[in-house]
Amino acid sequence: MARFKDCTHCGDRFRLDSQRKKRVGGKINECPDCVEELQTETAPIIRGFVSGSAKQAAISFVRFDNEKDAIRYGKAWRANSGWNNQRSGGLNDVTFTHAGANATEEPKKKGA
């Protein structure tokens, strides 16, 4: 069942469960148009990236200032990730901060 709300800024009626509302975010009583126009979305943009290291995969949670930086970093990550790949082509060109990571062990060597 569709849920509707009236926007506090413009008074237009909008669907709370629409794809566009979910994509742009904002407060529950703001229509997607007003969220984009007034830039009221305050949720942090965080993405997770997985890398392989020995027998255990590591995941890093990275926070970005805007959606464009998140997309650029994701494209650079996919282009440069892989086993034993030490390149960073384009990853350092994007402004980001690490929000968290899981703990991984150092790769164990045979005979050690």
N, C-alpha and C. Protein backbone atom coordinates (compact mmCIF):
# COMPACT_ATOMS: atom_id res chain seq x y z
N MET A 1 0.82 -1.16 0.00
CA MET A 1 0.00 0.00 0.00
C MET A 1 0.89 1.26 0.00
N ALA A 2 0.63 2.15 -0.91
CA ALA A 2 1.43 3.36 -1.04
C ALA A 2 1.15 4.33 0.10
N ARG A 3 2.22 4.91 0.63
CA ARG A 3 2.10 5.92 1.68
C ARG A 3 2.45 7.27 1.08
N PHE A 4 1.64 8.24 1.34
CA PHE A 4 1.85 9.58 0.80
C PHE A 4 2.06 10.57 1.94
N LYS A 5 2.82 11.63 1.65
CA LYS A 5 3.06 12.72 2.60
C LYS A 5 3.00 14.03 1.83
N ASP A 6 2.73 15.11 2.54
CA ASP A 6 2.79 16.45 1.96
C ASP A 6 4.12 17.09 2.36
N CYS A 7 4.81 17.67 1.38
CA CYS A 7 6.11 18.29 1.60
C CYS A 7 5.95 19.56 2.45
N THR A 8 6.84 19.72 3.43
CA THR A 8 6.78 20.90 4.29
C THR A 8 7.26 22.16 3.58
N HIS A 9 8.06 22.01 2.52
CA HIS A 9 8.62 23.17 1.82
C HIS A 9 7.69 23.68 0.72
N CYS A 10 7.22 22.76 -0.14
CA CYS A 10 6.44 23.19 -1.30
C CYS A 10 4.97 22.79 -1.23
N GLY A 11 4.62 21.88 -0.33
CA GLY A 11 3.23 21.46 -0.18
C GLY A 11 2.79 20.38 -1.13
N ASP A 12 3.65 19.93 -2.04
CA ASP A 12 3.29 18.87 -2.99
C ASP A 12 3.15 17.54 -2.26
N ARG A 13 2.28 16.69 -2.78
CA ARG A 13 2.09 15.35 -2.23
C ARG A 13 3.07 14.41 -2.96
N PHE A 14 3.75 13.53 -2.20
CA PHE A 14 4.72 12.60 -2.78
C PHE A 14 4.62 11.25 -2.08
N ARG A 15 5.14 10.22 -2.78
CA ARG A 15 5.13 8.86 -2.23
C ARG A 15 6.39 8.62 -1.41
N LEU A 16 6.23 8.15 -0.20
CA LEU A 16 7.37 7.85 0.66
C LEU A 16 8.18 6.66 0.17
N ASP A 17 7.52 5.71 -0.49
CA ASP A 17 8.20 4.49 -0.91
C ASP A 17 8.63 4.51 -2.38
N SER A 18 8.70 5.69 -2.98
CA SER A 18 9.13 5.75 -4.39
C SER A 18 10.64 5.53 -4.48
N GLN A 19 11.09 5.03 -5.61
CA GLN A 19 12.51 4.80 -5.82
C GLN A 19 13.31 6.09 -5.73
N ARG A 20 12.76 7.16 -6.26
CA ARG A 20 13.47 8.44 -6.25
C ARG A 20 13.65 8.95 -4.82
N LYS A 21 12.62 8.85 -4.00
CA LYS A 21 12.71 9.29 -2.61
C LYS A 21 13.76 8.48 -1.86
N LYS A 22 13.81 7.17 -2.11
CA LYS A 22 14.80 6.32 -1.47
C LYS A 22 16.21 6.69 -1.92
N ARG A 23 16.35 7.06 -3.18
CA ARG A 23 17.67 7.39 -3.73
C ARG A 23 18.19 8.72 -3.20
N VAL A 24 17.35 9.77 -3.17
CA VAL A 24 17.82 11.09 -2.75
C VAL A 24 17.81 11.27 -1.24
N GLY A 25 17.00 10.50 -0.51
CA GLY A 25 16.98 10.59 0.95
C GLY A 25 16.23 11.81 1.44
N GLY A 26 16.78 12.46 2.45
CA GLY A 26 16.13 13.63 3.03
C GLY A 26 15.23 13.23 4.20
N LYS A 27 14.62 14.23 4.80
CA LYS A 27 13.72 13.98 5.92
C LYS A 27 12.43 13.37 5.39
N ILE A 28 11.69 12.74 6.28
CA ILE A 28 10.49 12.02 5.88
C ILE A 28 9.41 12.94 5.31
N ASN A 29 9.42 14.21 5.71
CA ASN A 29 8.38 15.12 5.25
C ASN A 29 8.87 16.06 4.15
N GLU A 30 9.94 15.69 3.44
CA GLU A 30 10.47 16.48 2.32
C GLU A 30 10.35 15.68 1.03
N CYS A 31 9.82 16.32 -0.01
CA CYS A 31 9.71 15.64 -1.30
C CYS A 31 11.09 15.55 -1.95
N PRO A 32 11.29 14.61 -2.87
CA PRO A 32 12.60 14.45 -3.52
C PRO A 32 13.09 15.72 -4.22
N ASP A 33 12.19 16.48 -4.84
CA ASP A 33 12.59 17.71 -5.52
C ASP A 33 13.21 18.70 -4.54
N CYS A 34 12.57 18.90 -3.39
CA CYS A 34 13.07 19.85 -2.41
C CYS A 34 14.38 19.37 -1.78
N VAL A 35 14.51 18.06 -1.57
CA VAL A 35 15.76 17.52 -1.02
C VAL A 35 16.92 17.85 -1.95
N GLU A 36 16.73 17.65 -3.26
CA GLU A 36 17.79 17.94 -4.21
C GLU A 36 18.03 19.44 -4.34
N GLU A 37 16.96 20.22 -4.38
CA GLU A 37 17.09 21.66 -4.58
C GLU A 37 17.71 22.35 -3.36
N LEU A 38 17.26 21.98 -2.17
CA LEU A 38 17.75 22.62 -0.95
C LEU A 38 18.97 21.92 -0.36
N GLN A 39 19.32 20.75 -0.89
CA GLN A 39 20.47 19.95 -0.43
C GLN A 39 20.39 19.69 1.07
N THR A 40 19.26 19.15 1.50
CA THR A 40 19.04 18.90 2.93
C THR A 40 19.48 17.52 3.38
N GLU A 41 19.91 16.65 2.46
CA GLU A 41 20.36 15.31 2.85
C GLU A 41 21.65 15.42 3.64
N THR A 42 21.66 14.85 4.85
CA THR A 42 22.83 14.95 5.72
C THR A 42 23.44 13.58 6.04
N ALA A 43 22.90 12.51 5.50
CA ALA A 43 23.44 11.18 5.78
C ALA A 43 24.82 11.04 5.16
N PRO A 44 25.76 10.43 5.87
CA PRO A 44 27.10 10.25 5.30
C PRO A 44 27.07 9.25 4.15
N ILE A 45 27.97 9.47 3.21
CA ILE A 45 28.09 8.56 2.07
C ILE A 45 29.22 7.59 2.39
N ILE A 46 28.87 6.34 2.66
CA ILE A 46 29.85 5.32 3.05
C ILE A 46 29.71 4.14 2.11
N ARG A 47 30.84 3.63 1.63
CA ARG A 47 30.86 2.46 0.76
C ARG A 47 31.82 1.44 1.36
N GLY A 48 31.58 0.17 1.09
CA GLY A 48 32.47 -0.91 1.54
C GLY A 48 33.22 -1.49 0.36
N PHE A 49 34.52 -1.75 0.56
CA PHE A 49 35.36 -2.33 -0.49
C PHE A 49 36.09 -3.54 0.07
N VAL A 50 36.11 -4.63 -0.69
CA VAL A 50 36.69 -5.88 -0.24
C VAL A 50 37.98 -6.13 -1.01
N SER A 51 39.02 -6.54 -0.27
CA SER A 51 40.28 -6.94 -0.90
C SER A 51 40.66 -8.31 -0.39
N GLY A 52 41.38 -9.06 -1.18
CA GLY A 52 41.81 -10.39 -0.79
C GLY A 52 43.22 -10.35 -0.25
N SER A 53 43.44 -11.00 0.86
CA SER A 53 44.76 -11.08 1.45
C SER A 53 44.92 -12.48 2.04
N ALA A 54 45.78 -13.27 1.42
CA ALA A 54 46.02 -14.65 1.85
C ALA A 54 44.69 -15.42 1.87
N LYS A 55 44.35 -16.02 3.01
CA LYS A 55 43.14 -16.83 3.08
C LYS A 55 41.93 -16.04 3.56
N GLN A 56 42.14 -14.81 3.95
CA GLN A 56 41.04 -14.03 4.51
C GLN A 56 40.87 -12.73 3.73
N ALA A 57 39.63 -12.40 3.42
CA ALA A 57 39.35 -11.14 2.74
C ALA A 57 39.19 -10.03 3.77
N ALA A 58 39.64 -8.84 3.39
CA ALA A 58 39.51 -7.68 4.27
C ALA A 58 38.48 -6.74 3.67
N ILE A 59 37.71 -6.09 4.53
CA ILE A 59 36.73 -5.11 4.07
C ILE A 59 37.05 -3.77 4.72
N SER A 60 37.01 -2.73 3.89
CA SER A 60 37.23 -1.37 4.37
C SER A 60 35.98 -0.56 4.13
N PHE A 61 35.58 0.21 5.12
CA PHE A 61 34.45 1.12 4.98
C PHE A 61 35.02 2.52 4.82
N VAL A 62 34.66 3.16 3.70
CA VAL A 62 35.25 4.44 3.33
C VAL A 62 34.14 5.49 3.26
N ARG A 63 34.39 6.66 3.86
CA ARG A 63 33.42 7.77 3.87
C ARG A 63 33.85 8.82 2.85
N PHE A 64 32.87 9.34 2.11
CA PHE A 64 33.13 10.33 1.07
C PHE A 64 32.35 11.61 1.34
N ASP A 65 32.83 12.72 0.76
CA ASP A 65 32.15 14.00 0.91
C ASP A 65 30.93 14.12 0.02
N ASN A 66 30.95 13.44 -1.14
CA ASN A 66 29.83 13.52 -2.07
C ASN A 66 29.73 12.25 -2.89
N GLU A 67 28.62 12.10 -3.59
CA GLU A 67 28.34 10.89 -4.37
C GLU A 67 29.31 10.72 -5.54
N LYS A 68 29.72 11.85 -6.16
CA LYS A 68 30.66 11.77 -7.29
C LYS A 68 31.99 11.16 -6.87
N ASP A 69 32.50 11.56 -5.70
CA ASP A 69 33.76 11.00 -5.21
C ASP A 69 33.61 9.50 -4.93
N ALA A 70 32.46 9.10 -4.40
CA ALA A 70 32.22 7.67 -4.13
C ALA A 70 32.23 6.86 -5.42
N ILE A 71 31.62 7.40 -6.46
CA ILE A 71 31.58 6.70 -7.75
C ILE A 71 32.98 6.63 -8.37
N ARG A 72 33.72 7.75 -8.31
CA ARG A 72 35.08 7.77 -8.86
C ARG A 72 35.99 6.78 -8.14
N TYR A 73 35.91 6.74 -6.82
CA TYR A 73 36.73 5.82 -6.04
C TYR A 73 36.36 4.36 -6.36
N GLY A 74 35.06 4.09 -6.47
CA GLY A 74 34.62 2.73 -6.79
C GLY A 74 35.12 2.27 -8.15
N LYS A 75 35.09 3.14 -9.14
CA LYS A 75 35.60 2.78 -10.47
C LYS A 75 37.10 2.54 -10.43
N ALA A 76 37.83 3.40 -9.72
CA ALA A 76 39.29 3.22 -9.60
C ALA A 76 39.61 1.94 -8.83
N TRP A 77 38.82 1.64 -7.81
CA TRP A 77 39.04 0.42 -7.01
C TRP A 77 38.87 -0.82 -7.88
N ARG A 78 37.79 -0.86 -8.65
CA ARG A 78 37.55 -2.03 -9.50
C ARG A 78 38.62 -2.17 -10.58
N ALA A 79 39.14 -1.05 -11.07
CA ALA A 79 40.17 -1.10 -12.11
C ALA A 79 41.52 -1.54 -11.56
N ASN A 80 41.78 -1.31 -10.28
CA ASN A 80 43.10 -1.57 -9.71
C ASN A 80 43.13 -2.67 -8.66
N SER A 81 41.98 -3.26 -8.33
CA SER A 81 42.00 -4.29 -7.30
C SER A 81 42.29 -5.64 -7.94
N GLY A 82 42.69 -6.56 -7.11
CA GLY A 82 43.00 -7.90 -7.57
C GLY A 82 44.10 -8.48 -6.71
N TRP A 83 44.35 -9.74 -6.89
CA TRP A 83 45.37 -10.41 -6.08
C TRP A 83 46.74 -9.85 -6.42
N ASN A 84 47.51 -9.52 -5.39
CA ASN A 84 48.88 -9.03 -5.50
C ASN A 84 49.01 -7.80 -6.38
N ASN A 85 48.01 -6.97 -6.44
CA ASN A 85 48.05 -5.75 -7.23
C ASN A 85 48.40 -4.60 -6.28
N GLN A 86 49.54 -3.99 -6.49
CA GLN A 86 50.00 -2.93 -5.60
C GLN A 86 49.79 -1.53 -6.17
N ARG A 87 49.12 -1.42 -7.32
CA ARG A 87 48.90 -0.12 -7.94
C ARG A 87 47.82 0.65 -7.19
N SER A 88 47.87 1.97 -7.28
CA SER A 88 46.85 2.79 -6.65
C SER A 88 46.24 3.76 -7.65
N GLY A 89 46.40 3.52 -8.94
CA GLY A 89 45.99 4.43 -10.00
C GLY A 89 44.64 5.09 -9.79
N GLY A 90 44.63 6.34 -9.38
CA GLY A 90 43.40 7.10 -9.23
C GLY A 90 42.77 7.04 -7.86
N LEU A 91 43.16 6.09 -7.01
CA LEU A 91 42.54 5.98 -5.69
C LEU A 91 42.92 7.15 -4.79
N ASN A 92 44.13 7.64 -4.93
CA ASN A 92 44.57 8.75 -4.08
C ASN A 92 44.14 10.11 -4.60
N ASP A 93 43.50 10.15 -5.77
CA ASP A 93 43.02 11.41 -6.33
C ASP A 93 41.67 11.82 -5.74
N VAL A 94 41.04 10.93 -4.99
CA VAL A 94 39.71 11.18 -4.43
C VAL A 94 39.83 11.44 -2.93
N THR A 95 39.12 12.45 -2.44
CA THR A 95 39.13 12.76 -1.02
C THR A 95 38.22 11.77 -0.28
N PHE A 96 38.79 11.10 0.73
CA PHE A 96 38.02 10.13 1.50
C PHE A 96 38.65 9.98 2.88
N THR A 97 37.90 9.37 3.79
CA THR A 97 38.42 8.99 5.10
C THR A 97 37.97 7.56 5.37
N HIS A 98 38.80 6.82 6.08
CA HIS A 98 38.43 5.45 6.43
C HIS A 98 37.49 5.48 7.63
N ALA A 99 36.34 4.87 7.46
CA ALA A 99 35.34 4.83 8.53
C ALA A 99 35.49 3.58 9.38
N GLY A 100 36.16 2.55 8.86
CA GLY A 100 36.35 1.33 9.62
C GLY A 100 36.85 0.21 8.74
N ALA A 101 37.33 -0.86 9.38
CA ALA A 101 37.83 -2.03 8.66
C ALA A 101 37.80 -3.22 9.60
N ASN A 102 37.76 -4.41 9.02
CA ASN A 102 37.84 -5.60 9.87
C ASN A 102 39.31 -5.95 10.08
N ALA A 103 39.61 -6.66 11.15
CA ALA A 103 40.99 -7.03 11.46
C ALA A 103 41.35 -8.29 10.67
N THR A 104 42.48 -8.21 10.01
CA THR A 104 42.97 -9.38 9.27
C THR A 104 44.34 -9.75 9.80
N GLU A 105 44.67 -11.00 9.66
CA GLU A 105 45.98 -11.48 10.07
C GLU A 105 46.95 -11.31 8.93
N GLU A 106 48.23 -11.27 9.30
CA GLU A 106 49.28 -11.25 8.27
C GLU A 106 49.28 -12.62 7.59
N PRO A 107 49.56 -12.64 6.28
CA PRO A 107 49.61 -13.94 5.59
C PRO A 107 50.65 -14.84 6.23
N LYS A 108 50.29 -16.09 6.47
CA LYS A 108 51.21 -17.04 7.06
C LYS A 108 52.01 -17.70 5.96
N LYS A 109 53.30 -17.86 6.20
CA LYS A 109 54.18 -18.50 5.22
C LYS A 109 54.42 -19.92 5.64
N LYS A 110 54.58 -20.78 4.66
CA LYS A 110 54.85 -22.19 4.97
C LYS A 110 56.20 -22.31 5.65
N GLY A 111 56.26 -23.14 6.65
CA GLY A 111 57.51 -23.40 7.35
C GLY A 111 57.83 -22.37 8.41
N ALA A 112 56.96 -21.42 8.61
CA ALA A 112 57.27 -20.38 9.62
C ALA A 112 56.61 -20.69 10.93
